[in-house]
């Protein structure tokens, strides 16, 4: 009966995974995390298909079926380590800074060492049965004397990933709307693993992983509607919706700031696109900091407008607050705009265009802020081009 449940669970797992793959196919986002996400999906579908075939071979007491069962067992055990490894890396890469740290030097490859070791041991087990083997009489999976290696390595990755998520939750790194999913990330794989230890014939882990992937996809799809994937700020669509709403409610004392990174193309051309992305991330952090340091504002909405351009909409209590906010923007980047790493050393300079709303017409407000930004950019670029301002 357990085998029947296992087949059903894994058929459901494959259906869930294929559905998510179909949805992910239509996203234009091909950043590192998306690629890792897709790899996890394919590996999960493959391991579930292997489990189904393995379950169907139980009871076939002949040499060919026994060899096939043993081979499937060893492939499955090796794949489980790879999935655990990718799962852990995926969680680590949610943080752009941690992603950059991981891909520097040999850290990314070091993360694979336990998984590769498990693959080698699993292949060796085909001949020795040390990890697992198929019983010659029943063709059922039987654990070998070193089966604990598979358990230890696979759950090392899942436990590490769960710990990272819990630390980030404790430190407030996730938005509240993502807390339920992240809590599931922390506990479900471990609970599924414990259930699997109690009822070894049923692969609770993989359907649990498929459900978590489904939850992650839903969160990802919802975030794409309003969040910029690189900077984690509001995106252009969210900005367009917000500016219309806030002006329609009450445009008095609403100010728009358009912010542009000076000579951003030169940062990309000189240091590469990874450092260009890092400049955008650091700019977003400083803009968030400015908003948090001005509690006297009624509201402060921050978005990535597009490319290297950002937008901030504030509702000031008085005109002087808006001008103070503009000065804070400029001052913070002057004092904290330097970016230093092993591969780059440059200064982020910004131009700021400010405009006040005098009607509900958002196009008029954006145009006024754009014109002010253009004037400041022209002035700043003349000053900076002499020595490439990004290095100052």
Protein backbone atom coordinates (compact mmCIF):
# COMPACT_ATOMS: atom_id res chain seq x y z
CA UNK A 1 0.00 0.00 0.00
CA UNK A 2 2.86 2.37 0.82
CA UNK A 3 4.27 1.86 -2.66
CA UNK A 4 0.94 2.86 -4.21
CA UNK A 5 0.92 6.04 -2.13
CA UNK A 6 4.50 6.71 -3.20
CA UNK A 7 3.61 6.40 -6.89
CA UNK A 8 0.63 8.75 -6.49
CA UNK A 9 2.69 11.30 -4.52
CA UNK A 10 5.41 11.35 -7.14
CA UNK A 11 2.95 11.63 -10.04
CA UNK A 12 1.50 14.68 -8.27
CA UNK A 13 5.05 16.00 -7.76
CA UNK A 14 5.82 15.72 -11.49
CA UNK A 15 2.55 17.45 -12.42
CA UNK A 16 3.31 20.35 -10.04
CA UNK A 17 6.88 20.68 -11.29
CA UNK A 18 5.91 20.58 -14.98
CA UNK A 19 3.25 23.22 -14.35
CA UNK A 20 5.80 25.52 -12.71
CA UNK A 21 8.29 24.91 -15.55
CA UNK A 22 5.59 25.85 -18.04
CA UNK A 23 4.97 29.11 -16.18
CA UNK A 24 8.66 29.94 -15.69
CA UNK A 25 9.22 29.40 -19.43
CA UNK A 26 7.45 32.70 -20.13
CA UNK A 27 9.49 34.88 -17.78
CA UNK A 28 12.23 37.00 -19.30
CA UNK A 29 14.20 36.90 -16.03
CA UNK A 30 17.29 34.76 -16.54
CA UNK A 31 19.34 35.77 -13.54
CA UNK A 32 21.38 33.26 -11.53
CA UNK A 33 18.52 32.45 -9.13
CA UNK A 34 16.07 31.75 -11.94
CA UNK A 35 18.50 29.34 -13.60
CA UNK A 36 19.08 27.57 -10.26
CA UNK A 37 15.30 27.43 -9.73
CA UNK A 38 14.81 25.78 -13.14
CA UNK A 39 17.63 23.27 -12.46
CA UNK A 40 15.98 22.30 -9.16
CA UNK A 41 12.65 21.81 -10.95
CA UNK A 42 14.11 19.53 -13.62
CA UNK A 43 16.10 17.50 -11.08
CA UNK A 44 13.02 17.11 -8.85
CA UNK A 45 10.92 15.91 -11.82
CA UNK A 46 13.66 13.44 -12.80
CA UNK A 47 14.05 12.00 -9.31
CA UNK A 48 10.26 11.60 -8.98
CA UNK A 49 10.12 9.77 -12.33
CA UNK A 50 12.95 7.48 -11.15
CA UNK A 51 11.05 6.74 -7.91
CA UNK A 52 7.91 5.81 -9.87
CA UNK A 53 9.81 3.39 -12.11
CA UNK A 54 11.64 2.00 -9.08
CA UNK A 55 8.32 1.38 -7.28
CA UNK A 56 6.92 -0.41 -10.32
CA UNK A 57 9.97 -2.73 -10.43
CA UNK A 58 9.32 -4.00 -6.88
CA UNK A 59 8.39 -7.69 -7.01
CA UNK A 60 10.14 -8.39 -10.34
CA UNK A 61 12.54 -11.09 -9.12
CA UNK A 62 14.84 -11.48 -12.10
CA UNK A 63 18.42 -10.42 -12.79
CA UNK A 64 17.67 -7.65 -15.31
CA UNK A 65 15.05 -6.04 -13.05
CA UNK A 66 17.43 -6.32 -10.09
CA UNK A 67 20.25 -4.57 -11.97
CA UNK A 68 17.86 -1.87 -13.20
CA UNK A 69 16.53 -1.31 -9.68
CA UNK A 70 20.05 -1.02 -8.23
CA UNK A 71 21.06 1.46 -10.94
CA UNK A 72 17.93 3.58 -10.34
CA UNK A 73 18.58 3.60 -6.60
CA UNK A 74 22.12 4.86 -7.03
CA UNK A 75 21.15 7.54 -9.56
CA UNK A 76 18.39 8.72 -7.23
CA UNK A 77 20.70 8.94 -4.23
CA UNK A 78 23.29 10.89 -6.23
CA UNK A 79 20.64 13.28 -7.55
CA UNK A 80 19.29 13.95 -4.06
CA UNK A 81 22.63 15.47 -3.08
CA UNK A 82 22.69 17.67 -6.18
CA UNK A 83 19.14 18.91 -5.48
CA UNK A 84 20.07 19.67 -1.87
CA UNK A 85 23.17 21.55 -3.05
CA UNK A 86 21.23 23.65 -5.59
CA UNK A 87 18.50 24.31 -3.03
CA UNK A 88 21.07 25.65 -0.56
CA UNK A 89 22.80 27.80 -3.22
CA UNK A 90 19.42 29.11 -4.36
CA UNK A 91 18.62 30.27 -0.82
CA UNK A 92 22.06 31.85 -0.44
CA UNK A 93 21.73 33.70 -3.75
CA UNK A 94 18.51 35.43 -2.67
CA UNK A 95 20.84 38.03 -1.14
CA UNK A 96 22.66 39.85 -4.00
CA UNK A 97 25.70 40.52 -1.80
CA UNK A 98 25.88 36.90 -0.69
CA UNK A 99 25.48 35.84 -4.34
CA UNK A 100 28.50 37.95 -5.29
CA UNK A 101 30.49 36.53 -2.35
CA UNK A 102 29.58 32.95 -3.34
CA UNK A 103 30.77 33.30 -6.93
CA UNK A 104 34.10 34.91 -5.97
CA UNK A 105 37.04 32.51 -5.94
CA UNK A 106 36.19 28.82 -5.58
CA UNK A 107 33.36 29.07 -3.05
CA UNK A 108 30.67 28.03 -5.53
CA UNK A 109 32.60 24.85 -6.40
CA UNK A 110 33.44 24.13 -2.76
CA UNK A 111 29.68 24.08 -2.05
CA UNK A 112 29.40 21.15 -4.50
CA UNK A 113 32.05 18.95 -2.85
CA UNK A 114 29.68 16.99 -0.52
CA UNK A 115 27.20 16.48 -3.41
CA UNK A 116 29.92 15.24 -5.77
CA UNK A 117 31.23 12.94 -3.04
CA UNK A 118 27.74 11.47 -2.64
CA UNK A 119 27.51 10.93 -6.41
CA UNK A 120 30.83 9.05 -6.45
CA UNK A 121 29.88 6.92 -3.43
CA UNK A 122 26.47 6.20 -5.00
CA UNK A 123 28.10 5.02 -8.24
CA UNK A 124 30.47 2.83 -6.21
CA UNK A 125 27.44 1.44 -4.37
CA UNK A 126 26.17 -0.04 -7.66
CA UNK A 127 28.94 -2.62 -7.38
CA UNK A 128 29.24 -2.94 -3.60
CA UNK A 129 25.80 -2.08 -2.17
CA UNK A 130 27.40 0.08 0.51
CA UNK A 131 24.76 2.83 0.28
CA UNK A 132 21.75 0.83 -0.95
CA UNK A 133 20.94 -2.19 -3.07
CA UNK A 134 17.97 -4.11 -4.45
CA UNK A 135 16.98 -7.27 -2.58
CA UNK A 136 17.42 -10.19 -5.02
CA UNK A 137 14.18 -11.90 -3.90
CA UNK A 138 11.75 -8.97 -3.72
CA UNK A 139 13.62 -6.27 -5.70
CA UNK A 140 12.83 -3.84 -2.89
CA UNK A 141 15.29 -1.14 -1.89
CA UNK A 142 17.47 -2.17 1.03
CA UNK A 143 19.71 0.22 2.92
CA UNK A 144 23.44 -0.54 2.95
CA UNK A 145 25.73 -0.14 5.94
CA UNK A 146 26.84 3.35 4.75
CA UNK A 147 23.36 4.62 3.89
CA UNK A 148 23.78 7.28 6.56
CA UNK A 149 26.17 9.12 4.18
CA UNK A 150 23.23 9.87 1.85
CA UNK A 151 21.08 11.06 4.75
CA UNK A 152 23.86 13.20 6.24
CA UNK A 153 24.84 14.98 3.01
CA UNK A 154 21.32 15.56 1.68
CA UNK A 155 20.00 16.94 4.96
CA UNK A 156 23.18 18.90 5.59
CA UNK A 157 22.19 21.05 2.60
CA UNK A 158 18.52 21.32 3.55
CA UNK A 159 19.36 22.13 7.18
CA UNK A 160 21.91 24.76 6.13
CA UNK A 161 19.34 26.37 3.82
CA UNK A 162 16.70 26.33 6.58
CA UNK A 163 19.15 27.92 9.03
CA UNK A 164 19.99 30.72 6.57
CA UNK A 165 16.28 31.47 6.10
CA UNK A 166 15.65 31.53 9.86
CA UNK A 167 18.57 33.91 10.45
CA UNK A 168 17.29 36.24 7.73
CA UNK A 169 13.78 36.13 9.21
CA UNK A 170 15.18 36.97 12.65
CA UNK A 171 17.18 39.87 11.16
CA UNK A 172 14.12 41.22 9.30
CA UNK A 173 15.59 40.69 5.81
CA UNK A 174 12.28 39.53 4.28
CA UNK A 175 9.13 41.54 3.64
CA UNK A 176 6.24 40.43 5.88
CA UNK A 177 4.23 39.16 2.91
CA UNK A 178 6.97 36.52 2.30
CA UNK A 179 7.19 35.31 5.93
CA UNK A 180 4.74 32.36 5.59
CA UNK A 181 6.64 30.92 2.61
CA UNK A 182 10.02 31.40 4.27
CA UNK A 183 8.83 29.72 7.48
CA UNK A 184 7.68 26.78 5.36
CA UNK A 185 11.15 26.75 3.74
CA UNK A 186 12.66 26.39 7.19
CA UNK A 187 10.58 23.60 8.64
CA UNK A 188 8.88 21.52 5.93
CA UNK A 189 12.00 19.85 4.40
CA UNK A 190 13.17 18.76 7.86
CA UNK A 191 9.69 17.50 8.84
CA UNK A 192 9.43 15.63 5.54
CA UNK A 193 12.84 14.09 6.20
CA UNK A 194 11.73 12.88 9.64
CA UNK A 195 8.55 11.40 8.11
CA UNK A 196 10.67 9.63 5.49
CA UNK A 197 12.81 8.08 8.24
CA UNK A 198 9.64 6.69 9.86
CA UNK A 199 8.05 5.46 6.60
CA UNK A 200 11.00 4.84 4.28
CA UNK A 201 8.88 3.55 1.38
CA UNK A 202 7.14 6.91 0.85
CA UNK A 203 9.12 9.85 -0.60
CA UNK A 204 7.61 12.71 1.38
CA UNK A 205 10.63 14.90 0.70
CA UNK A 206 10.07 15.36 -3.02
CA UNK A 207 6.39 16.26 -2.96
CA UNK A 208 7.22 18.64 -0.09
CA UNK A 209 9.95 20.19 -2.20
CA UNK A 210 7.55 20.49 -5.14
CA UNK A 211 4.99 22.29 -2.96
CA UNK A 212 7.68 24.67 -1.69
CA UNK A 213 8.75 25.36 -5.26
CA UNK A 214 5.13 26.11 -6.12
CA UNK A 215 4.90 28.55 -3.18
CA UNK A 216 8.18 30.17 -4.21
CA UNK A 217 6.91 30.56 -7.78
CA UNK A 218 3.71 32.22 -6.58
CA UNK A 219 5.73 34.65 -4.45
CA UNK A 220 8.08 35.27 -7.36
CA UNK A 221 5.19 35.95 -9.75
CA UNK A 222 3.52 38.31 -7.26
CA UNK A 223 6.81 40.12 -6.64
CA UNK A 224 7.39 40.57 -10.38
CA UNK A 225 4.16 42.53 -10.61
CA UNK A 226 5.50 45.25 -8.31
CA UNK A 227 9.17 44.55 -7.47
CA UNK A 228 12.39 45.09 -9.39
CA UNK A 229 14.27 41.77 -9.29
CA UNK A 230 17.76 43.28 -8.94
CA UNK A 231 17.33 46.10 -6.40
CA UNK A 232 14.18 44.76 -4.68
CA UNK A 233 12.64 48.21 -4.97
CA UNK A 234 9.23 48.95 -6.43
CA UNK A 235 9.35 48.66 -10.22
CA UNK A 236 8.07 50.97 -12.97
CA UNK A 237 4.62 49.41 -12.98
CA UNK A 238 4.24 49.95 -9.22
CA UNK A 239 5.44 53.54 -9.64
CA UNK A 240 2.91 54.26 -12.39
CA UNK A 241 0.07 52.94 -10.24
CA UNK A 242 1.22 54.79 -7.13
CA UNK A 243 1.75 58.21 -8.74
CA UNK A 244 -1.74 58.18 -10.25
CA UNK A 245 -3.31 57.16 -6.96
CA UNK A 246 -1.47 59.65 -4.74
CA UNK A 247 -2.13 62.60 -7.07
CA UNK A 248 -5.80 61.69 -7.39
CA UNK A 249 -6.18 61.56 -3.59
CA UNK A 250 -4.42 64.84 -2.81
CA UNK A 251 -1.65 66.37 -4.91
CA UNK A 252 -0.88 69.18 -2.44
CA UNK A 253 2.67 68.90 -1.07
CA UNK A 254 3.49 65.91 -3.32
CA UNK A 255 7.03 66.07 -4.73
CA UNK A 256 8.73 63.84 -7.27
CA UNK A 257 12.48 63.27 -7.33
CA UNK A 258 14.04 61.69 -10.42
CA UNK A 259 17.53 60.36 -9.64
CA UNK A 260 20.12 59.23 -12.18
CA UNK A 261 23.59 57.67 -11.66
CA UNK A 262 26.14 59.92 -13.37
CA UNK A 263 28.31 58.26 -16.03
CA UNK A 264 26.82 54.84 -15.27
CA UNK A 265 27.82 53.53 -18.71
CA UNK A 266 31.46 54.18 -17.86
CA UNK A 267 31.14 52.05 -14.71
CA UNK A 268 29.80 49.20 -16.86
CA UNK A 269 32.42 49.66 -19.58
CA UNK A 270 35.33 49.96 -17.14
CA UNK A 271 34.48 47.40 -14.46
CA UNK A 272 31.94 45.11 -16.15
CA UNK A 273 28.22 44.50 -15.80
CA UNK A 274 28.48 42.71 -12.45
CA UNK A 275 29.93 45.87 -10.91
CA UNK A 276 27.29 47.87 -12.77
CA UNK A 277 24.63 45.74 -11.06
CA UNK A 278 26.44 46.28 -7.77
CA UNK A 279 26.32 50.05 -8.33
CA UNK A 280 22.54 49.84 -8.82
CA UNK A 281 22.16 47.74 -5.66
CA UNK A 282 24.30 50.13 -3.59
CA UNK A 283 22.36 53.11 -4.97
CA UNK A 284 19.09 51.45 -3.95
CA UNK A 285 20.44 50.87 -0.41
CA UNK A 286 21.45 54.52 -0.01
CA UNK A 287 18.09 55.73 -1.32
CA UNK A 288 16.30 53.49 1.17
CA UNK A 289 18.51 54.92 3.90
CA UNK A 290 17.58 58.50 2.96
CA UNK A 291 13.89 57.65 3.15
CA UNK A 292 14.32 56.02 6.57
CA UNK A 293 16.26 59.03 7.89
CA UNK A 294 13.40 61.45 7.15
CA UNK A 295 10.53 60.44 9.48
CA UNK A 296 9.05 63.95 9.24
CA UNK A 297 7.72 63.10 5.76
CA UNK A 298 4.12 61.91 5.56
CA UNK A 299 5.10 59.27 2.99
CA UNK A 300 8.12 58.23 0.92
CA UNK A 301 7.70 55.91 -2.08
CA UNK A 302 10.86 54.62 -3.77
CA UNK A 303 11.08 52.85 -7.15
CA UNK A 304 13.53 51.88 -9.85
CA UNK A 305 12.19 53.84 -12.79
CA UNK A 306 14.30 52.08 -15.40
CA UNK A 307 17.98 51.46 -16.22
CA UNK A 308 20.07 53.60 -13.86
CA UNK A 309 17.19 55.93 -13.05
CA UNK A 310 15.23 55.94 -9.79
CA UNK A 311 12.15 57.82 -8.60
CA UNK A 312 11.06 58.94 -5.15
CA UNK A 313 7.62 60.35 -4.40
CA UNK A 314 7.24 62.12 -1.07
CA UNK A 315 4.40 63.85 0.68
CA UNK A 316 6.05 66.69 2.60
CA UNK A 317 4.48 68.65 5.42
CA UNK A 318 5.98 71.88 4.08
CA UNK A 319 8.11 72.90 1.04
CA UNK A 320 11.23 73.26 3.19
CA UNK A 321 11.05 69.53 4.03
CA UNK A 322 11.26 68.65 0.33
CA UNK A 323 14.35 70.80 -0.15
CA UNK A 324 15.94 69.31 2.97
CA UNK A 325 15.23 65.85 1.57
CA UNK A 326 16.98 66.77 -1.69
CA UNK A 327 20.03 67.99 0.22
CA UNK A 328 20.08 64.77 2.25
CA UNK A 329 20.11 62.77 -1.01
CA UNK A 330 23.10 64.65 -2.38
CA UNK A 331 25.00 64.68 0.93
CA UNK A 332 24.58 60.96 1.59
CA UNK A 333 26.00 59.99 -1.80
CA UNK A 334 28.87 62.45 -1.42
CA UNK A 335 29.87 60.86 1.90
CA UNK A 336 28.88 57.20 1.35
CA UNK A 337 28.89 56.71 -2.43
CA UNK A 338 32.22 54.92 -2.73
CA UNK A 339 32.14 51.24 -3.75
CA UNK A 340 35.23 49.15 -3.08
CA UNK A 341 35.75 45.47 -3.85
CA UNK A 342 38.50 43.13 -5.04
CA UNK A 343 37.69 43.96 -8.66
CA UNK A 344 36.56 47.61 -8.56
CA UNK A 345 36.93 50.93 -6.79
CA UNK A 346 34.63 53.73 -7.88
CA UNK A 347 32.40 56.52 -6.58
CA UNK A 348 28.68 56.70 -7.26
CA UNK A 349 27.63 60.22 -8.14
CA UNK A 350 23.99 61.14 -8.74
CA UNK A 351 21.97 63.87 -10.37
CA UNK A 352 18.61 64.80 -8.86
CA UNK A 353 15.64 66.47 -10.50
CA UNK A 354 12.89 67.72 -8.17
CA UNK A 355 9.38 68.86 -9.08
CA UNK A 356 6.26 69.76 -7.11
CA UNK A 357 2.79 68.65 -8.16
CA UNK A 358 0.30 71.39 -9.03
CA UNK A 359 -2.44 69.16 -10.44
CA UNK A 360 -3.53 65.54 -10.76
CA UNK A 361 -1.68 65.22 -14.07
CA UNK A 362 1.14 62.73 -13.44
CA UNK A 363 2.63 63.30 -16.91
CA UNK A 364 3.11 66.98 -16.16
CA UNK A 365 4.83 66.17 -12.85
CA UNK A 366 7.14 63.56 -14.41
CA UNK A 367 8.01 65.91 -17.26
CA UNK A 368 8.91 68.71 -14.81
CA UNK A 369 11.12 66.40 -12.75
CA UNK A 370 12.74 65.02 -15.93
CA UNK A 371 13.57 68.52 -17.16
CA UNK A 372 15.11 69.40 -13.81
CA UNK A 373 17.11 66.15 -13.91
CA UNK A 374 18.34 66.88 -17.43
CA UNK A 375 19.61 70.31 -16.37
CA UNK A 376 21.50 68.92 -13.38
CA UNK A 377 22.93 65.98 -15.36
CA UNK A 378 24.29 68.32 -18.01
CA UNK A 379 26.00 70.39 -15.33
CA UNK A 380 27.36 67.40 -13.39
CA UNK A 381 28.65 65.56 -16.45
CA UNK A 382 30.72 68.57 -17.49
CA UNK A 383 32.38 68.50 -14.07
CA UNK A 384 32.88 64.74 -13.95
CA UNK A 385 33.99 63.81 -17.45
CA UNK A 386 37.41 65.37 -17.05
CA UNK A 387 38.56 62.56 -14.78
CA UNK A 388 35.75 59.96 -15.02
CA UNK A 389 33.63 60.91 -12.02
CA UNK A 390 32.92 57.34 -11.07
CA UNK A 391 36.50 57.03 -9.83
CA UNK A 392 36.65 60.22 -7.84
